[in-house]
PDB file of all heavy atoms in Angstrom:
ATOM      1  N   MET A   1      36.090 -81.413-161.782  1.00  0.00           N
ATOM      2  CA  MET A   1      37.539 -81.549-161.803  1.00  0.00           C
ATOM      3  C   MET A   1      38.085 -80.939-163.089  1.00  0.00           C
ATOM      4  O   MET A   1      37.492 -81.088-164.165  1.00  0.00           O
ATOM      5  CB  MET A   1      37.935 -83.017-161.702  1.00  0.00           C
ATOM      6  CG  MET A   1      37.580 -83.660-160.370  1.00  0.00           C
ATOM      7  SD  MET A   1      37.952 -85.439-160.292  1.00  0.00           S
ATOM      8  CE  MET A   1      39.751 -85.417-160.349  1.00  0.00           C
ATOM      9  N   ASP A   2      39.209 -80.241-162.969  1.00  0.00           N
ATOM     10  CA  ASP A   2      39.868 -79.651-164.127  1.00  0.00           C
ATOM     11  C   ASP A   2      41.230 -80.322-164.291  1.00  0.00           C
ATOM     12  O   ASP A   2      41.622 -81.159-163.464  1.00  0.00           O
ATOM     13  CB  ASP A   2      40.000 -78.135-163.962  1.00  0.00           C
ATOM     14  CG  ASP A   2      40.746 -77.747-162.691  1.00  0.00           C
ATOM     15  OD1 ASP A   2      41.405 -78.623-162.088  1.00  0.00           O
ATOM     16  OD2 ASP A   2      40.683 -76.576-162.295  1.00  0.00           O
ATOM     17  N   PRO A   3      41.970 -79.992-165.366  1.00  0.00           N
ATOM     18  CA  PRO A   3      43.270 -80.662-165.563  1.00  0.00           C
ATOM     19  C   PRO A   3      44.213 -80.522-164.386  1.00  0.00           C
ATOM     20  O   PRO A   3      44.970 -81.462-164.072  1.00  0.00           O
ATOM     21  CB  PRO A   3      43.819 -79.966-166.814  1.00  0.00           C
ATOM     22  CG  PRO A   3      42.589 -79.567-167.584  1.00  0.00           C
ATOM     23  CD  PRO A   3      41.591 -79.160-166.543  1.00  0.00           C
ATOM     24  N   GLU A   4      44.172 -79.392-163.710  1.00  0.00           N
ATOM     25  CA  GLU A   4      45.074 -79.206-162.564  1.00  0.00           C
ATOM     26  C   GLU A   4      44.716 -80.155-161.425  1.00  0.00           C
ATOM     27  O   GLU A   4      45.598 -80.793-160.828  1.00  0.00           O
ATOM     28  CB  GLU A   4      45.010 -77.753-162.077  1.00  0.00           C
ATOM     29  CG  GLU A   4      45.951 -77.471-160.909  1.00  0.00           C
ATOM     30  CD  GLU A   4      45.899 -76.029-160.453  1.00  0.00           C
ATOM     31  OE1 GLU A   4      45.225 -75.208-161.125  1.00  0.00           O
ATOM     32  OE2 GLU A   4      46.523 -75.703-159.437  1.00  0.00           O
ATOM     33  N   SER A   5      43.427 -80.260-161.115  1.00  0.00           N
ATOM     34  CA  SER A   5      43.030 -81.151-160.027  1.00  0.00           C
ATOM     35  C   SER A   5      43.241 -82.612-160.412  1.00  0.00           C
ATOM     36  O   SER A   5      43.609 -83.441-159.572  1.00  0.00           O
ATOM     37  CB  SER A   5      41.575 -80.904-159.631  1.00  0.00           C
ATOM     38  OG  SER A   5      40.695 -81.157-160.703  1.00  0.00           O
ATOM     39  N   VAL A   6      43.028 -82.953-161.686  1.00  0.00           N
ATOM     40  CA  VAL A   6      43.306 -84.317-162.143  1.00  0.00           C
ATOM     41  C   VAL A   6      44.783 -84.645-161.943  1.00  0.00           C
ATOM     42  O   VAL A   6      45.141 -85.716-161.434  1.00  0.00           O
ATOM     43  CB  VAL A   6      42.908 -84.490-163.626  1.00  0.00           C
ATOM     44  CG1 VAL A   6      43.428 -85.826-164.162  1.00  0.00           C
ATOM     45  CG2 VAL A   6      41.393 -84.420-163.780  1.00  0.00           C
ATOM     46  N   GLY A   7      45.644 -83.714-162.328  1.00  0.00           N
ATOM     47  CA  GLY A   7      47.078 -83.937-162.144  1.00  0.00           C
ATOM     48  C   GLY A   7      47.449 -84.094-160.689  1.00  0.00           C
ATOM     49  O   GLY A   7      48.320 -84.911-160.340  1.00  0.00           O
ATOM     50  N   ARG A   8      46.773 -83.343-159.824  1.00  0.00           N
ATOM     51  CA  ARG A   8      47.052 -83.439-158.392  1.00  0.00           C
ATOM     52  C   ARG A   8      46.635 -84.805-157.854  1.00  0.00           C
ATOM     53  O   ARG A   8      47.359 -85.431-157.073  1.00  0.00           O
ATOM     54  CB  ARG A   8      46.306 -82.330-157.651  1.00  0.00           C
ATOM     55  CG  ARG A   8      46.453 -82.361-156.144  1.00  0.00           C
ATOM     56  CD  ARG A   8      47.869 -82.093-155.706  1.00  0.00           C
ATOM     57  NE  ARG A   8      47.981 -82.062-154.263  1.00  0.00           N
ATOM     58  CZ  ARG A   8      48.995 -82.560-153.577  1.00  0.00           C
ATOM     59  NH1 ARG A   8      50.018 -83.128-154.215  1.00  0.00           N
ATOM     60  NH2 ARG A   8      49.025 -82.496-152.274  1.00  0.00           N
ATOM     61  N   VAL A   9      45.469 -85.314-158.271  1.00  0.00           N
ATOM     62  CA  VAL A   9      45.023 -86.628-157.811  1.00  0.00           C
ATOM     63  C   VAL A   9      45.953 -87.712-158.343  1.00  0.00           C
ATOM     64  O   VAL A   9      46.267 -88.682-157.637  1.00  0.00           O
ATOM     65  CB  VAL A   9      43.566 -86.888-158.231  1.00  0.00           C
ATOM     66  CG1 VAL A   9      43.131 -88.299-157.817  1.00  0.00           C
ATOM     67  CG2 VAL A   9      42.629 -85.859-157.605  1.00  0.00           C
ATOM     68  N   VAL A  10      46.421 -87.586-159.581  1.00  0.00           N
ATOM     69  CA  VAL A  10      47.367 -88.555-160.134  1.00  0.00           C
ATOM     70  C   VAL A  10      48.626 -88.612-159.263  1.00  0.00           C
ATOM     71  O   VAL A  10      49.126 -89.698-158.931  1.00  0.00           O
ATOM     72  CB  VAL A  10      47.733 -88.196-161.591  1.00  0.00           C
ATOM     73  CG1 VAL A  10      48.951 -88.995-162.060  1.00  0.00           C
ATOM     74  CG2 VAL A  10      46.542 -88.455-162.519  1.00  0.00           C
ATOM     75  N   ALA A  11      49.129 -87.443-158.879  1.00  0.00           N
ATOM     76  CA  ALA A  11      50.332 -87.406-158.035  1.00  0.00           C
ATOM     77  C   ALA A  11      50.068 -88.054-156.684  1.00  0.00           C
ATOM     78  O   ALA A  11      50.911 -88.802-156.158  1.00  0.00           O
ATOM     79  CB  ALA A  11      50.797 -85.961-157.867  1.00  0.00           C
ATOM     80  N   LEU A  12      48.902 -87.780-156.095  1.00  0.00           N
ATOM     81  CA  LEU A  12      48.566 -88.389-154.809  1.00  0.00           C
ATOM     82  C   LEU A  12      48.415 -89.895-154.953  1.00  0.00           C
ATOM     83  O   LEU A  12      48.881 -90.664-154.105  1.00  0.00           O
ATOM     84  CB  LEU A  12      47.274 -87.774-154.262  1.00  0.00           C
ATOM     85  CG  LEU A  12      47.364 -86.313-153.789  1.00  0.00           C
ATOM     86  CD1 LEU A  12      45.975 -85.738-153.532  1.00  0.00           C
ATOM     87  CD2 LEU A  12      48.222 -86.211-152.534  1.00  0.00           C
ATOM     88  N   ALA A  13      47.773 -90.348-156.042  1.00  0.00           N
ATOM     89  CA  ALA A  13      47.603 -91.783-156.271  1.00  0.00           C
ATOM     90  C   ALA A  13      48.940 -92.480-156.433  1.00  0.00           C
ATOM     91  O   ALA A  13      49.149 -93.595-155.929  1.00  0.00           O
ATOM     92  CB  ALA A  13      46.712 -92.013-157.498  1.00  0.00           C
ATOM     93  N   ASP A  14      49.863 -91.818-157.141  1.00  0.00           N
ATOM     94  CA  ASP A  14      51.178 -92.422-157.366  1.00  0.00           C
ATOM     95  C   ASP A  14      51.980 -92.540-156.071  1.00  0.00           C
ATOM     96  O   ASP A  14      52.910 -93.349-155.994  1.00  0.00           O
ATOM     97  CB  ASP A  14      51.960 -91.592-158.391  1.00  0.00           C
ATOM     98  CG  ASP A  14      51.430 -91.773-159.808  1.00  0.00           C
ATOM     99  OD1 ASP A  14      50.691 -92.759-160.042  1.00  0.00           O
ATOM    100  OD2 ASP A  14      51.733 -90.927-160.671  1.00  0.00           O
ATOM    101  N   SER A  15      51.612 -91.731-155.062  1.00  0.00           N
ATOM    102  CA  SER A  15      52.345 -91.788-153.792  1.00  0.00           C
ATOM    103  C   SER A  15      51.696 -92.734-152.789  1.00  0.00           C
ATOM    104  O   SER A  15      52.188 -92.881-151.670  1.00  0.00           O
ATOM    105  CB  SER A  15      52.420 -90.387-153.173  1.00  0.00           C
ATOM    106  OG  SER A  15      51.150 -89.979-152.670  1.00  0.00           O
ATOM    107  N   SER A  16      50.581 -93.364-153.169  1.00  0.00           N
ATOM    108  CA  SER A  16      49.825 -94.176-152.217  1.00  0.00           C
ATOM    109  C   SER A  16      50.199 -95.650-152.313  1.00  0.00           C
ATOM    110  O   SER A  16      50.637 -96.136-153.355  1.00  0.00           O
ATOM    111  CB  SER A  16      48.324 -94.001-152.447  1.00  0.00           C
ATOM    112  OG  SER A  16      47.955 -94.522-153.709  1.00  0.00           O
ATOM    113  N   ASP A  17      49.993 -96.354-151.189  1.00  0.00           N
ATOM    114  CA  ASP A  17      50.199 -97.795-151.141  1.00  0.00           C
ATOM    115  C   ASP A  17      48.920 -98.558-151.466  1.00  0.00           C
ATOM    116  O   ASP A  17      48.971 -99.750-151.779  1.00  0.00           O
ATOM    117  CB  ASP A  17      50.690 -98.215-149.747  1.00  0.00           C
ATOM    118  CG  ASP A  17      52.015 -97.558-149.404  1.00  0.00           C
ATOM    119  OD1 ASP A  17      52.980 -97.735-150.172  1.00  0.00           O
ATOM    120  OD2 ASP A  17      52.077 -96.855-148.371  1.00  0.00           O
ATOM    121  N   ALA A  18      47.782 -97.885-151.351  1.00  0.00           N
ATOM    122  CA  ALA A  18      46.494 -98.506-151.655  1.00  0.00           C
ATOM    123  C   ALA A  18      45.480 -97.396-151.916  1.00  0.00           C
ATOM    124  O   ALA A  18      45.687 -96.243-151.525  1.00  0.00           O
ATOM    125  CB  ALA A  18      46.034 -99.399-150.507  1.00  0.00           C
ATOM    126  N   ILE A  19      44.398 -97.765-152.586  1.00  0.00           N
ATOM    127  CA  ILE A  19      43.329 -96.810-152.899  1.00  0.00           C
ATOM    128  C   ILE A  19      42.001 -97.432-152.483  1.00  0.00           C
ATOM    129  O   ILE A  19      41.760 -98.620-152.720  1.00  0.00           O
ATOM    130  CB  ILE A  19      43.301 -96.474-154.407  1.00  0.00           C
ATOM    131  CG1 ILE A  19      44.607 -95.787-154.826  1.00  0.00           C
ATOM    132  CG2 ILE A  19      42.097 -95.586-154.740  1.00  0.00           C
ATOM    133  CD1 ILE A  19      44.727 -95.564-156.330  1.00  0.00           C
ATOM    134  N   VAL A  20      41.166 -96.619-151.839  1.00  0.00           N
ATOM    135  CA  VAL A  20      39.814 -97.054-151.495  1.00  0.00           C
ATOM    136  C   VAL A  20      38.830 -96.105-152.165  1.00  0.00           C
ATOM    137  O   VAL A  20      38.932 -94.881-152.023  1.00  0.00           O
ATOM    138  CB  VAL A  20      39.574 -97.037-149.977  1.00  0.00           C
ATOM    139  CG1 VAL A  20      38.136 -97.483-149.670  1.00  0.00           C
ATOM    140  CG2 VAL A  20      40.562 -97.935-149.258  1.00  0.00           C
ATOM    141  N   VAL A  21      37.875 -96.668-152.889  1.00  0.00           N
ATOM    142  CA  VAL A  21      36.813 -95.881-153.521  1.00  0.00           C
ATOM    143  C   VAL A  21      35.566 -96.017-152.657  1.00  0.00           C
ATOM    144  O   VAL A  21      35.040 -97.122-152.487  1.00  0.00           O
ATOM    145  CB  VAL A  21      36.535 -96.359-154.957  1.00  0.00           C
ATOM    146  CG1 VAL A  21      35.415 -95.518-155.579  1.00  0.00           C
ATOM    147  CG2 VAL A  21      37.803 -96.279-155.801  1.00  0.00           C
ATOM    148  N   SER A  22      35.109 -94.925-152.076  1.00  0.00           N
ATOM    149  CA  SER A  22      33.922 -94.964-151.216  1.00  0.00           C
ATOM    150  C   SER A  22      32.663 -95.120-152.059  1.00  0.00           C
ATOM    151  O   SER A  22      32.720 -95.168-153.297  1.00  0.00           O
ATOM    152  CB  SER A  22      33.842 -93.685-150.374  1.00  0.00           C
ATOM    153  OG  SER A  22      33.428 -92.598-151.188  1.00  0.00           O
ATOM    154  N   ASP A  23      31.507 -95.161-151.394  1.00  0.00           N
ATOM    155  CA  ASP A  23      30.240 -95.329-152.114  1.00  0.00           C
ATOM    156  C   ASP A  23      29.670 -93.989-152.587  1.00  0.00           C
ATOM    157  O   ASP A  23      28.469 -93.759-152.544  1.00  0.00           O
ATOM    158  CB  ASP A  23      29.224 -96.070-151.246  1.00  0.00           C
ATOM    159  CG  ASP A  23      29.019 -95.416-149.884  1.00  0.00           C
ATOM    160  OD1 ASP A  23      29.713 -94.428-149.582  1.00  0.00           O
ATOM    161  OD2 ASP A  23      28.156 -95.898-149.121  1.00  0.00           O
ATOM    162  N   VAL A  24      30.555 -93.133-153.074  1.00  0.00           N
ATOM    163  CA  VAL A  24      30.160 -91.821-153.584  1.00  0.00           C
ATOM    164  C   VAL A  24      29.512 -91.974-154.957  1.00  0.00           C
ATOM    165  O   VAL A  24      29.934 -92.812-155.761  1.00  0.00           O
ATOM    166  CB  VAL A  24      31.393 -90.884-153.666  1.00  0.00           C
ATOM    167  CG1 VAL A  24      32.460 -91.458-154.567  1.00  0.00           C
ATOM    168  CG2 VAL A  24      30.998 -89.492-154.108  1.00  0.00           C
ATOM    169  N   PRO A  25      28.477 -91.194-155.271  1.00  0.00           N
ATOM    170  CA  PRO A  25      27.947 -91.181-156.644  1.00  0.00           C
ATOM    171  C   PRO A  25      28.946 -90.521-157.590  1.00  0.00           C
ATOM    172  O   PRO A  25      29.684 -89.607-157.194  1.00  0.00           O
ATOM    173  CB  PRO A  25      26.668 -90.339-156.527  1.00  0.00           C
ATOM    174  CG  PRO A  25      26.341 -90.309-155.078  1.00  0.00           C
ATOM    175  CD  PRO A  25      27.645 -90.386-154.353  1.00  0.00           C
ATOM    176  N   PHE A  26      28.970 -90.965-158.844  1.00  0.00           N
ATOM    177  CA  PHE A  26      29.888 -90.397-159.829  1.00  0.00           C
ATOM    178  C   PHE A  26      29.101 -89.765-160.975  1.00  0.00           C
ATOM    179  O   PHE A  26      28.214 -90.381-161.560  1.00  0.00           O
ATOM    180  CB  PHE A  26      30.826 -91.473-160.393  1.00  0.00           C
ATOM    181  CG  PHE A  26      31.852 -91.936-159.400  1.00  0.00           C
ATOM    182  CD1 PHE A  26      31.681 -93.139-158.722  1.00  0.00           C
ATOM    183  CD2 PHE A  26      32.960 -91.158-159.127  1.00  0.00           C
ATOM    184  CE1 PHE A  26      32.618 -93.564-157.807  1.00  0.00           C
ATOM    185  CE2 PHE A  26      33.905 -91.575-158.202  1.00  0.00           C
ATOM    186  CZ  PHE A  26      33.734 -92.783-157.534  1.00  0.00           C
ATOM    187  N   GLY A  27      29.459 -88.509-161.255  1.00  0.00           N
ATOM    188  CA  GLY A  27      28.946 -87.804-162.416  1.00  0.00           C
ATOM    189  C   GLY A  27      30.110 -87.345-163.260  1.00  0.00           C
ATOM    190  O   GLY A  27      31.278 -87.666-162.986  1.00  0.00           O
ATOM    191  N   HIS A  28      29.816 -86.566-164.301  1.00  0.00           N
ATOM    192  CA  HIS A  28      30.891 -86.101-165.179  1.00  0.00           C
ATOM    193  C   HIS A  28      31.897 -85.228-164.419  1.00  0.00           C
ATOM    194  O   HIS A  28      33.072 -85.167-164.801  1.00  0.00           O
ATOM    195  CB  HIS A  28      30.299 -85.328-166.354  1.00  0.00           C
ATOM    196  CG  HIS A  28      29.490 -86.196-167.279  1.00  0.00           C
ATOM    197  ND1 HIS A  28      30.053 -87.189-168.053  1.00  0.00           N
ATOM    198  CD2 HIS A  28      28.151 -86.232-167.537  1.00  0.00           C
ATOM    199  CE1 HIS A  28      29.115 -87.794-168.757  1.00  0.00           C
ATOM    200  NE2 HIS A  28      27.940 -87.233-168.463  1.00  0.00           N
ATOM    201  N   GLY A  29      31.456 -84.586-163.341  1.00  0.00           N
ATOM    202  CA  GLY A  29      32.354 -83.679-162.626  1.00  0.00           C
ATOM    203  C   GLY A  29      33.407 -84.369-161.792  1.00  0.00           C
ATOM    204  O   GLY A  29      34.461 -83.777-161.528  1.00  0.00           O
ATOM    205  N   ASN A  30      33.132 -85.602-161.355  1.00  0.00           N
ATOM    206  CA  ASN A  30      34.103 -86.266-160.476  1.00  0.00           C
ATOM    207  C   ASN A  30      34.525 -87.649-160.943  1.00  0.00           C
ATOM    208  O   ASN A  30      35.264 -88.350-160.251  1.00  0.00           O
ATOM    209  CB  ASN A  30      33.538 -86.358-159.056  1.00  0.00           C
ATOM    210  CG  ASN A  30      32.372 -87.340-158.934  1.00  0.00           C
ATOM    211  OD1 ASN A  30      31.709 -87.629-159.920  1.00  0.00           O
ATOM    212  ND2 ASN A  30      32.120 -87.820-157.727  1.00  0.00           N
ATOM    213  N   VAL A  31      34.071 -88.080-162.125  1.00  0.00           N
ATOM    214  CA  VAL A  31      34.373 -89.436-162.568  1.00  0.00           C
ATOM    215  C   VAL A  31      35.861 -89.644-162.810  1.00  0.00           C
ATOM    216  O   VAL A  31      36.354 -90.785-162.787  1.00  0.00           O
ATOM    217  CB  VAL A  31      33.552 -89.779-163.835  1.00  0.00           C
ATOM    218  CG1 VAL A  31      34.115 -89.090-165.077  1.00  0.00           C
ATOM    219  CG2 VAL A  31      33.466 -91.293-164.031  1.00  0.00           C
ATOM    220  N   ASP A  32      36.619 -88.554-162.987  1.00  0.00           N
ATOM    221  CA  ASP A  32      38.066 -88.704-163.155  1.00  0.00           C
ATOM    222  C   ASP A  32      38.718 -89.292-161.906  1.00  0.00           C
ATOM    223  O   ASP A  32      39.770 -89.946-161.996  1.00  0.00           O
ATOM    224  CB  ASP A  32      38.711 -87.364-163.504  1.00  0.00           C
ATOM    225  CG  ASP A  32      38.557 -87.019-164.984  1.00  0.00           C
ATOM    226  OD1 ASP A  32      38.547 -87.953-165.809  1.00  0.00           O
ATOM    227  OD2 ASP A  32      38.438 -85.825-165.309  1.00  0.00           O
ATOM    228  N   ASN A  33      38.131 -89.056-160.730  1.00  0.00           N
ATOM    229  CA  ASN A  33      38.635 -89.712-159.519  1.00  0.00           C
ATOM    230  C   ASN A  33      38.611 -91.220-159.689  1.00  0.00           C
ATOM    231  O   ASN A  33      39.575 -91.929-159.368  1.00  0.00           O
ATOM    232  CB  ASN A  33      37.767 -89.336-158.309  1.00  0.00           C
ATOM    233  CG  ASN A  33      38.191 -88.048-157.630  1.00  0.00           C
ATOM    234  OD1 ASN A  33      39.369 -87.749-157.552  1.00  0.00           O
ATOM    235  ND2 ASN A  33      37.222 -87.295-157.138  1.00  0.00           N
ATOM    236  N   LEU A  34      37.486 -91.745-160.201  1.00  0.00           N
ATOM    237  CA  LEU A  34      37.344 -93.189-160.403  1.00  0.00           C
ATOM    238  C   LEU A  34      38.248 -93.674-161.533  1.00  0.00           C
ATOM    239  O   LEU A  34      38.815 -94.768-161.453  1.00  0.00           O
ATOM    240  CB  LEU A  34      35.883 -93.525-160.702  1.00  0.00           C
ATOM    241  CG  LEU A  34      35.534 -95.003-160.893  1.00  0.00           C
ATOM    242  CD1 LEU A  34      35.979 -95.840-159.701  1.00  0.00           C
ATOM    243  CD2 LEU A  34      34.039 -95.172-161.142  1.00  0.00           C
ATOM    244  N   ARG A  35      38.416 -92.864-162.571  1.00  0.00           N
ATOM    245  CA  ARG A  35      39.292 -93.234-163.678  1.00  0.00           C
ATOM    246  C   ARG A  35      40.726 -93.456-163.173  1.00  0.00           C
ATOM    247  O   ARG A  35      41.390 -94.440-163.541  1.00  0.00           O
ATOM    248  CB  ARG A  35      39.276 -92.133-164.743  1.00  0.00           C
ATOM    249  CG  ARG A  35      40.044 -92.508-166.026  1.00  0.00           C
ATOM    250  CD  ARG A  35      40.095 -91.326-166.988  1.00  0.00           C
ATOM    251  NE  ARG A  35      38.790 -90.699-167.128  1.00  0.00           N
ATOM    252  CZ  ARG A  35      37.808 -91.169-167.896  1.00  0.00           C
ATOM    253  NH1 ARG A  35      37.988 -92.282-168.575  1.00  0.00           N
ATOM    254  NH2 ARG A  35      36.655 -90.522-167.972  1.00  0.00           N
ATOM    255  N   ILE A  36      41.179 -92.548-162.318  1.00  0.00           N
ATOM    256  CA  ILE A  36      42.550 -92.669-161.795  1.00  0.00           C
ATOM    257  C   ILE A  36      42.683 -93.931-160.949  1.00  0.00           C
ATOM    258  O   ILE A  36      43.694 -94.648-161.015  1.00  0.00           O
ATOM    259  CB  ILE A  36      42.912 -91.406-161.002  1.00  0.00           C
ATOM    260  CG1 ILE A  36      42.992 -90.193-161.952  1.00  0.00           C
ATOM    261  CG2 ILE A  36      44.220 -91.587-160.240  1.00  0.00           C
ATOM    262  CD1 ILE A  36      42.978 -88.859-161.248  1.00  0.00           C
ATOM    263  N   ALA A  37      41.648 -94.245-160.145  1.00  0.00           N
ATOM    264  CA  ALA A  37      41.694 -95.463-159.327  1.00  0.00           C
ATOM    265  C   ALA A  37      41.735 -96.701-160.204  1.00  0.00           C
ATOM    266  O   ALA A  37      42.497 -97.649-159.940  1.00  0.00           O
ATOM    267  CB  ALA A  37      40.484 -95.505-158.398  1.00  0.00           C
ATOM    268  N   ALA A  38      40.926 -96.718-161.273  1.00  0.00           N
ATOM    269  CA  ALA A  38      40.918 -97.885-162.173  1.00  0.00           C
ATOM    270  C   ALA A  38      42.255 -98.057-162.863  1.00  0.00           C
ATOM    271  O   ALA A  38      42.773 -99.184-162.988  1.00  0.00           O
ATOM    272  CB  ALA A  38      39.791 -97.720-163.203  1.00  0.00           C
ATOM    273  N   GLU A  39      42.850 -96.949-163.295  1.00  0.00           N
ATOM    274  CA  GLU A  39      44.155 -97.025-163.963  1.00  0.00           C
ATOM    275  C   GLU A  39      45.228 -97.528-163.006  1.00  0.00           C
ATOM    276  O   GLU A  39      46.116 -98.299-163.414  1.00  0.00           O
ATOM    277  CB  GLU A  39      44.530 -95.661-164.522  1.00  0.00           C
ATOM    278  CG  GLU A  39      43.657 -95.232-165.709  1.00  0.00           C
ATOM    279  CD  GLU A  39      43.875 -93.774-166.112  1.00  0.00           C
ATOM    280  OE1 GLU A  39      44.589 -93.051-165.375  1.00  0.00           O
ATOM    281  OE2 GLU A  39      43.328 -93.365-167.153  1.00  0.00           O
ATOM    282  N   ARG A  40      45.164 -97.126-161.740  1.00  0.00           N
ATOM    283  CA  ARG A  40      46.167 -97.590-160.789  1.00  0.00           C
ATOM    284  C   ARG A  40      45.962 -99.070-160.470  1.00  0.00           C
ATOM    285  O   ARG A  40      46.927 -99.795-160.230  1.00  0.00           O
ATOM    286  CB  ARG A  40      46.122 -96.742-159.505  1.00  0.00           C
ATOM    287  CG  ARG A  40      46.562 -95.293-159.712  1.00  0.00           C
ATOM    288  CD  ARG A  40      47.934 -95.255-160.379  1.00  0.00           C
ATOM    289  NE  ARG A  40      48.337 -93.938-160.819  1.00  0.00           N
ATOM    290  CZ  ARG A  40      47.932 -93.328-161.919  1.00  0.00           C
ATOM    291  NH1 ARG A  40      47.018 -93.892-162.712  1.00  0.00           N
ATOM    292  NH2 ARG A  40      48.412 -92.160-162.269  1.00  0.00           N
ATOM    293  N   ALA A  41      44.693 -99.513-160.468  1.00  0.00           N
ATOM    294  CA  ALA A  41      44.454-100.947-160.289  1.00  0.00           C
ATOM    295  C   ALA A  41      45.086-101.737-161.425  1.00  0.00           C
ATOM    296  O   ALA A  41      45.692-102.800-161.214  1.00  0.00           O
ATOM    297  CB  ALA A  41      42.949-101.211-160.220  1.00  0.00           C
ATOM    298  N   GLU A  42      44.985-101.211-162.623  1.00  0.00           N
ATOM    299  CA  GLU A  42      45.565-101.886-163.785  1.00  0.00           C
ATOM    300  C   GLU A  42      47.084-101.888-163.760  1.00  0.00           C
ATOM    301  O   GLU A  42      47.722-102.752-164.361  1.00  0.00           O
ATOM    302  CB  GLU A  42      45.059-101.216-165.067  1.00  0.00           C
ATOM    303  CG  GLU A  42      43.563-101.467-165.300  1.00  0.00           C
ATOM    304  CD  GLU A  42      42.984-100.621-166.420  1.00  0.00           C
ATOM    305  OE1 GLU A  42      43.565 -99.543-166.719  1.00  0.00           O
ATOM    306  OE2 GLU A  42      41.953-101.004-166.987  1.00  0.00           O
ATOM    307  N   SER A  43      47.660-100.918-163.031  1.00  0.00           N
ATOM    308  CA  SER A  43      49.122-100.872-162.941  1.00  0.00           C
ATOM    309  C   SER A  43      49.641-101.575-161.688  1.00  0.00           C
ATOM    310  O   SER A  43      50.840-101.533-161.414  1.00  0.00           O
ATOM    311  CB  SER A  43      49.611 -99.421-162.965  1.00  0.00           C
ATOM    312  OG  SER A  43      49.148 -98.707-161.824  1.00  0.00           O
ATOM    313  N   GLY A  44      48.734-102.205-160.913  1.00  0.00           N
ATOM    314  CA  GLY A  44      49.175-103.032-159.799  1.00  0.00           C
ATOM    315  C   GLY A  44      48.962-102.464-158.415  1.00  0.00           C
ATOM    316  O   GLY A  44      49.275-103.133-157.421  1.00  0.00           O
TER     317      GLY A  44
END
């Protein structure tokens, strides 16, 4: 993931009513997906 794709996921997360994190493995390349989900959980 690069800054552009991170920004795109943030926008998609902000438009969602709920988030589901599948049982995908996380490495340095995709952990920002999980970071965005955790931050949205913290914001309600």
